[in-house]
Amino acid sequence: MTKKILDACCGSRMFWYDKQNKDVLYMDNRQLDDTLCDGRALKVEPDVIADFRQMPFEDNRFYHVVFDPPHLVKAGENSWLAKKYGKLDESTWPSDIKQGFDECMRVLKPNGTLVFKWNEDQIKLSEILKVIDCEPLYGNKRAKTHWIVFMKPTN
């Protein structure tokens, strides 16, 4: 069975109600089995290990894509924040996010939906929207963590 949904940066699948959803292909660029400083287990177990900037999928494959890339540029390499959320390169994050967004749109079917999650603790959402250069359909505007929805055009 072909999976209908792609989670392009699944991490430990924190926001999923069903962390083993049969319709979701979970992807991340790392695999991790660790214990955080407070004793909680942290497992990153993607179905596919791949970079969100260059996905190993054909065009127009998924009906729905979730893109929750790392949002931190300043975090210690071995900090619990970097382990839990991943980390962007401070000098290349704009092009990395742009490439990732473009890849998500590439693998999305026409009229498919892309949900983009962003926490603006270190990089403001307004900076991200300039980089991806695509207008969202809707999303929350007044929170620190944003969930924004896009639809892939048919052309």
Protein backbone atom coordinates (compact mmCIF):
# COMPACT_ATOMS: atom_id res chain seq x y z
CA MET A 1 0.00 0.00 0.00
CA THR A 2 1.28 3.44 -0.93
CA LYS A 3 1.26 5.90 1.95
CA LYS A 4 -0.90 9.00 1.32
CA ILE A 5 0.72 11.38 3.81
CA LEU A 6 4.34 12.43 4.26
CA ASP A 7 5.77 13.79 7.50
CA ALA A 8 8.98 15.26 6.06
CA CYS A 9 10.70 15.89 9.44
CA CYS A 10 9.02 13.45 11.80
CA GLY A 11 11.46 13.64 14.72
CA SER A 12 9.90 11.74 17.62
CA ARG A 13 6.38 12.19 16.15
CA MET A 14 5.41 14.46 19.05
CA PHE A 15 2.23 15.98 17.60
CA TRP A 16 0.75 12.78 16.13
CA TYR A 17 -2.16 11.22 18.01
CA ASP A 18 -1.40 7.90 16.31
CA LYS A 19 2.37 7.68 16.09
CA GLN A 20 2.08 4.56 13.90
CA ASN A 21 -0.57 5.88 11.49
CA LYS A 22 -0.72 3.43 8.57
CA ASP A 23 -1.32 6.25 6.05
CA VAL A 24 1.79 8.24 7.02
CA LEU A 25 5.32 7.83 5.72
CA TYR A 26 7.59 9.19 8.47
CA MET A 27 10.85 10.70 7.21
CA ASP A 28 13.76 12.33 9.02
CA ASN A 29 17.45 12.85 8.35
CA ARG A 30 18.47 11.07 11.54
CA GLN A 31 17.77 8.09 13.72
CA LEU A 32 18.18 8.43 17.47
CA ASP A 33 17.57 6.44 20.63
CA ASP A 34 18.60 8.52 23.64
CA THR A 35 17.59 9.61 27.12
CA LEU A 36 17.00 13.28 27.80
CA CYS A 37 18.45 15.03 30.86
CA ASP A 38 15.15 14.59 32.73
CA GLY A 39 15.16 10.83 32.14
CA ARG A 40 12.57 10.72 29.34
CA ALA A 41 13.31 8.48 26.37
CA LEU A 42 13.72 10.16 23.00
CA LYS A 43 13.33 7.99 19.91
CA VAL A 44 13.56 9.19 16.33
CA GLU A 45 12.64 6.21 14.17
CA PRO A 46 11.73 7.29 10.64
CA ASP A 47 10.50 4.90 7.95
CA VAL A 48 12.86 6.68 5.54
CA ILE A 49 16.12 8.43 6.42
CA ALA A 50 16.49 11.33 4.00
CA ASP A 51 17.18 15.05 3.81
CA PHE A 52 14.10 17.27 3.40
CA ARG A 53 16.07 19.35 0.87
CA GLN A 54 16.34 16.39 -1.52
CA MET A 55 13.56 13.85 -1.04
CA PRO A 56 13.76 10.41 -2.66
CA PHE A 57 10.16 10.48 -3.93
CA GLU A 58 8.59 11.02 -7.32
CA ASP A 59 6.69 14.21 -8.15
CA ASN A 60 3.02 14.46 -7.13
CA ARG A 61 3.05 11.42 -4.85
CA PHE A 62 1.37 12.53 -1.59
CA TYR A 63 -2.09 13.96 -0.88
CA HIS A 64 -0.91 15.68 2.28
CA VAL A 65 2.54 16.76 3.52
CA VAL A 66 3.51 17.94 6.99
CA PHE A 67 6.67 20.06 7.09
CA ASP A 68 7.92 20.72 10.63
CA PRO A 69 11.62 21.50 10.07
CA PRO A 70 14.05 22.31 12.86
CA HIS A 71 13.54 25.90 13.98
CA LEU A 72 16.65 26.42 16.08
CA VAL A 73 19.93 27.88 14.88
CA LYS A 74 21.38 28.48 18.34
CA ALA A 75 21.48 25.34 20.45
CA GLY A 76 24.37 23.21 21.65
CA GLU A 77 25.11 20.26 19.33
CA ASN A 78 24.41 17.75 22.11
CA SER A 79 21.78 19.78 23.96
CA TRP A 80 18.37 18.26 24.65
CA LEU A 81 16.86 20.96 22.41
CA ALA A 82 19.03 19.93 19.45
CA LYS A 83 18.32 16.24 20.11
CA LYS A 84 14.56 16.77 20.38
CA TYR A 85 14.00 19.33 17.61
CA GLY A 86 17.08 19.18 15.38
CA LYS A 87 19.05 22.25 14.40
CA LEU A 88 19.43 24.42 11.31
CA ASP A 89 22.74 25.77 10.05
CA GLU A 90 22.98 29.42 11.06
CA SER A 91 24.42 30.52 7.71
CA THR A 92 22.36 28.39 5.30
CA TRP A 93 18.93 28.20 6.98
CA PRO A 94 17.17 30.47 4.44
CA SER A 95 18.16 28.33 1.45
CA ASP A 96 17.64 25.10 3.43
CA ILE A 97 14.06 26.07 4.35
CA LYS A 98 13.36 27.25 0.78
CA GLN A 99 14.68 23.97 -0.66
CA GLY A 100 12.66 21.95 1.85
CA PHE A 101 9.46 23.85 1.13
CA ASP A 102 9.99 23.46 -2.62
CA GLU A 103 10.58 19.72 -2.18
CA CYS A 104 7.39 19.38 -0.13
CA MET A 105 5.46 21.10 -2.92
CA ARG A 106 7.15 18.92 -5.55
CA VAL A 107 6.09 15.64 -3.92
CA LEU A 108 2.59 16.95 -3.16
CA LYS A 109 -0.23 16.09 -5.58
CA PRO A 110 -1.98 19.02 -7.33
CA ASN A 111 -4.66 20.39 -4.99
CA GLY A 112 -2.93 18.59 -2.11
CA THR A 113 -2.39 20.32 1.21
CA LEU A 114 0.84 21.21 2.93
CA VAL A 115 0.78 21.96 6.64
CA PHE A 116 3.83 23.93 7.73
CA LYS A 117 4.69 24.14 11.42
CA TRP A 118 7.06 26.81 12.67
CA ASN A 119 8.14 28.03 16.10
CA GLU A 120 9.49 31.57 16.01
CA ASP A 121 11.65 31.36 19.13
CA GLN A 122 14.75 32.28 17.11
CA ILE A 123 13.56 33.09 13.56
CA LYS A 124 10.37 35.09 13.01
CA LEU A 125 7.61 33.66 10.84
CA SER A 126 7.72 36.80 8.68
CA GLU A 127 11.33 35.91 7.73
CA ILE A 128 10.28 32.37 6.83
CA LEU A 129 7.36 33.53 4.67
CA LYS A 130 9.75 35.80 2.71
CA VAL A 131 12.06 32.85 2.09
CA ILE A 132 9.41 30.41 0.87
CA ASP A 133 7.64 33.08 -1.21
CA CYS A 134 4.27 31.33 -1.18
CA GLU A 135 1.07 32.72 0.30
CA PRO A 136 -0.62 30.56 2.93
CA LEU A 137 -4.33 29.78 2.80
CA TYR A 138 -4.80 30.16 6.56
CA GLY A 139 -3.16 29.57 9.91
CA ASN A 140 -2.76 31.01 13.36
CA LYS A 141 -1.06 34.41 13.44
CA ARG A 142 -0.80 35.27 17.12
CA ALA A 143 1.00 32.34 18.68
CA LYS A 144 4.67 31.53 19.04
CA THR A 145 4.17 28.18 17.29
CA HIS A 146 2.39 28.53 13.96
CA TRP A 147 0.47 25.95 11.94
CA ILE A 148 0.00 27.26 8.39
CA VAL A 149 -1.85 25.56 5.53
CA PHE A 150 -0.97 25.78 1.83
CA MET A 151 -2.54 24.15 -1.22
CA LYS A 152 -0.53 23.11 -4.27
CA PRO A 153 -1.90 24.75 -7.42
CA THR A 154 -2.96 22.57 -10.35
CA ASN A 155 -0.63 24.23 -12.90
